[in-house]
N, C-alpha and C. Protein backbone atom coordinates (compact mmCIF):
# COMPACT_ATOMS: atom_id res chain seq x y z
N MET A 1 -1.72 -17.16 16.94
CA MET A 1 -1.54 -17.15 18.38
C MET A 1 -2.90 -16.94 19.03
N SER A 2 -3.20 -17.74 20.02
CA SER A 2 -4.49 -17.59 20.69
C SER A 2 -4.41 -16.50 21.74
N LYS A 3 -5.57 -16.07 22.20
CA LYS A 3 -5.62 -15.03 23.22
C LYS A 3 -5.04 -15.56 24.52
N SER A 4 -4.40 -14.68 25.28
CA SER A 4 -3.83 -15.10 26.55
C SER A 4 -4.78 -14.84 27.72
N VAL A 5 -5.84 -14.09 27.48
CA VAL A 5 -6.83 -13.79 28.53
C VAL A 5 -8.21 -14.12 27.99
N GLU A 6 -8.99 -14.87 28.76
CA GLU A 6 -10.33 -15.26 28.34
C GLU A 6 -11.29 -15.16 29.52
N VAL A 7 -12.55 -14.95 29.23
CA VAL A 7 -13.60 -15.07 30.24
C VAL A 7 -14.08 -16.51 30.18
N ILE A 8 -14.21 -17.15 31.35
CA ILE A 8 -14.60 -18.55 31.39
C ILE A 8 -15.79 -18.76 32.33
N THR A 9 -16.38 -19.93 32.28
CA THR A 9 -17.57 -20.24 33.08
C THR A 9 -17.19 -20.77 34.46
N PRO A 10 -18.12 -20.71 35.42
CA PRO A 10 -17.86 -21.28 36.75
C PRO A 10 -17.52 -22.78 36.69
N GLU A 11 -18.12 -23.49 35.74
CA GLU A 11 -17.82 -24.92 35.61
C GLU A 11 -16.36 -25.13 35.22
N THR A 12 -15.86 -24.26 34.36
CA THR A 12 -14.46 -24.36 33.94
C THR A 12 -13.54 -24.08 35.12
N VAL A 13 -13.92 -23.14 35.99
CA VAL A 13 -13.13 -22.86 37.19
C VAL A 13 -13.04 -24.12 38.04
N ALA A 14 -14.16 -24.81 38.22
CA ALA A 14 -14.16 -26.05 39.00
C ALA A 14 -13.25 -27.10 38.37
N ASP A 15 -13.27 -27.18 37.04
CA ASP A 15 -12.39 -28.12 36.34
C ASP A 15 -10.92 -27.78 36.59
N PHE A 16 -10.58 -26.50 36.54
CA PHE A 16 -9.19 -26.11 36.77
C PHE A 16 -8.76 -26.38 38.21
N LEU A 17 -9.67 -26.19 39.17
CA LEU A 17 -9.34 -26.49 40.56
C LEU A 17 -9.10 -27.98 40.76
N ALA A 18 -9.78 -28.80 39.97
CA ALA A 18 -9.63 -30.25 40.08
C ALA A 18 -8.31 -30.74 39.48
N GLU A 19 -7.66 -29.91 38.66
CA GLU A 19 -6.39 -30.29 38.05
C GLU A 19 -5.36 -30.54 39.15
N GLN A 20 -4.59 -31.59 38.99
CA GLN A 20 -3.52 -31.87 39.94
C GLN A 20 -2.50 -30.73 39.86
N GLY A 21 -2.11 -30.21 41.00
CA GLY A 21 -1.14 -29.13 41.02
C GLY A 21 -1.76 -27.75 41.06
N SER A 22 -3.09 -27.65 40.89
CA SER A 22 -3.74 -26.35 41.00
C SER A 22 -3.94 -26.01 42.47
N GLU A 23 -3.85 -24.74 42.78
CA GLU A 23 -4.03 -24.33 44.17
C GLU A 23 -4.66 -22.95 44.24
N LEU A 24 -5.42 -22.74 45.30
CA LEU A 24 -6.00 -21.43 45.58
C LEU A 24 -4.91 -20.61 46.24
N ILE A 25 -4.42 -19.57 45.57
CA ILE A 25 -3.30 -18.80 46.13
C ILE A 25 -3.74 -17.52 46.82
N PHE A 26 -4.97 -17.09 46.59
CA PHE A 26 -5.51 -15.93 47.29
C PHE A 26 -7.00 -16.09 47.42
N GLU A 27 -7.52 -15.92 48.63
CA GLU A 27 -8.96 -15.96 48.85
C GLU A 27 -9.34 -14.71 49.62
N GLY A 28 -10.12 -13.86 48.99
CA GLY A 28 -10.54 -12.62 49.62
C GLY A 28 -12.04 -12.48 49.64
N ASN A 29 -12.52 -11.34 50.12
CA ASN A 29 -13.96 -11.08 50.15
C ASN A 29 -14.52 -10.84 48.76
N GLN A 30 -13.72 -10.28 47.87
CA GLN A 30 -14.20 -9.90 46.55
C GLN A 30 -13.67 -10.79 45.42
N ILE A 31 -12.45 -11.33 45.57
CA ILE A 31 -11.89 -12.16 44.49
C ILE A 31 -11.15 -13.37 45.06
N ASN A 32 -11.03 -14.38 44.24
CA ASN A 32 -10.18 -15.55 44.51
C ASN A 32 -9.23 -15.70 43.33
N VAL A 33 -8.01 -16.12 43.61
CA VAL A 33 -7.02 -16.34 42.56
C VAL A 33 -6.55 -17.79 42.65
N ILE A 34 -6.63 -18.49 41.53
CA ILE A 34 -6.22 -19.89 41.45
C ILE A 34 -5.04 -19.97 40.50
N LYS A 35 -3.98 -20.65 40.92
CA LYS A 35 -2.81 -20.85 40.07
C LYS A 35 -2.72 -22.33 39.73
N GLY A 36 -2.40 -22.62 38.48
CA GLY A 36 -2.29 -24.02 38.10
C GLY A 36 -1.49 -24.21 36.83
N LYS A 37 -1.42 -25.47 36.41
CA LYS A 37 -0.69 -25.82 35.19
C LYS A 37 -1.30 -27.10 34.64
N ASN A 38 -1.50 -27.14 33.33
CA ASN A 38 -1.94 -28.38 32.68
C ASN A 38 -1.33 -28.46 31.29
N GLU A 39 -1.50 -29.63 30.66
CA GLU A 39 -0.87 -29.84 29.35
C GLU A 39 -1.46 -28.94 28.27
N GLU A 40 -2.76 -28.71 28.34
CA GLU A 40 -3.43 -27.93 27.30
C GLU A 40 -3.06 -26.45 27.34
N CYS A 41 -3.01 -25.87 28.55
CA CYS A 41 -2.84 -24.42 28.69
C CYS A 41 -1.47 -24.00 29.21
N GLY A 42 -0.72 -24.91 29.77
CA GLY A 42 0.52 -24.53 30.43
C GLY A 42 0.21 -23.88 31.77
N ASP A 43 1.03 -22.93 32.20
CA ASP A 43 0.79 -22.23 33.46
C ASP A 43 -0.36 -21.25 33.27
N PHE A 44 -1.23 -21.15 34.29
CA PHE A 44 -2.36 -20.24 34.19
C PHE A 44 -2.76 -19.69 35.55
N LEU A 45 -3.50 -18.59 35.51
CA LEU A 45 -4.18 -18.03 36.68
C LEU A 45 -5.65 -17.94 36.34
N VAL A 46 -6.49 -18.22 37.32
CA VAL A 46 -7.93 -18.00 37.19
C VAL A 46 -8.31 -17.03 38.30
N ILE A 47 -8.95 -15.93 37.92
CA ILE A 47 -9.41 -14.94 38.89
C ILE A 47 -10.92 -14.92 38.82
N ASN A 48 -11.59 -15.18 39.96
CA ASN A 48 -13.04 -15.07 39.95
C ASN A 48 -13.49 -14.13 41.05
N ASN A 49 -14.57 -13.39 40.77
CA ASN A 49 -15.04 -12.39 41.72
C ASN A 49 -16.35 -12.81 42.36
N ALA A 50 -16.84 -11.97 43.28
CA ALA A 50 -18.05 -12.28 44.04
C ALA A 50 -19.29 -12.34 43.15
N LEU A 51 -19.24 -11.76 41.97
CA LEU A 51 -20.39 -11.79 41.05
C LEU A 51 -20.41 -13.06 40.20
N GLY A 52 -19.40 -13.91 40.37
CA GLY A 52 -19.34 -15.14 39.58
C GLY A 52 -18.67 -14.96 38.23
N GLU A 53 -18.06 -13.81 38.01
CA GLU A 53 -17.34 -13.57 36.76
C GLU A 53 -15.93 -14.14 36.90
N ASN A 54 -15.44 -14.73 35.83
CA ASN A 54 -14.14 -15.40 35.87
C ASN A 54 -13.25 -14.92 34.74
N LEU A 55 -11.97 -14.78 35.05
CA LEU A 55 -10.98 -14.38 34.06
C LEU A 55 -9.88 -15.43 34.06
N PHE A 56 -9.56 -15.95 32.89
CA PHE A 56 -8.54 -16.98 32.75
C PHE A 56 -7.34 -16.37 32.05
N ILE A 57 -6.16 -16.46 32.66
CA ILE A 57 -4.95 -15.87 32.10
C ILE A 57 -3.94 -16.99 31.85
N LYS A 58 -3.56 -17.17 30.58
CA LYS A 58 -2.54 -18.16 30.23
C LYS A 58 -1.18 -17.50 30.38
N LEU A 59 -0.46 -17.87 31.41
CA LEU A 59 0.84 -17.26 31.68
C LEU A 59 1.89 -17.66 30.66
N SER A 60 1.70 -18.78 30.01
CA SER A 60 2.67 -19.25 29.02
C SER A 60 2.81 -18.28 27.86
N TYR A 61 1.79 -17.49 27.59
CA TYR A 61 1.81 -16.56 26.46
C TYR A 61 2.32 -15.19 26.84
N ILE A 62 2.52 -14.93 28.12
CA ILE A 62 2.94 -13.61 28.57
C ILE A 62 4.46 -13.59 28.71
N VAL A 63 5.10 -12.71 27.98
CA VAL A 63 6.56 -12.58 28.03
C VAL A 63 6.87 -11.22 28.61
N LEU A 64 7.64 -11.22 29.68
CA LEU A 64 7.99 -9.94 30.32
C LEU A 64 9.34 -9.48 29.88
């Protein structure tokens, strides 16, 4: 099983935003949250902060 949370690059964030169906669901002064879905990862969230750090969360692997 692969990790469900990863640190990713700003370029990867741009790629995820370009995915059809991805949307910016929260834009704040300190963080932005992007929600999307693709064939490779399934449902995901990308959280990036003002320092340019990014966190990628694969929602498909999270079972509540």
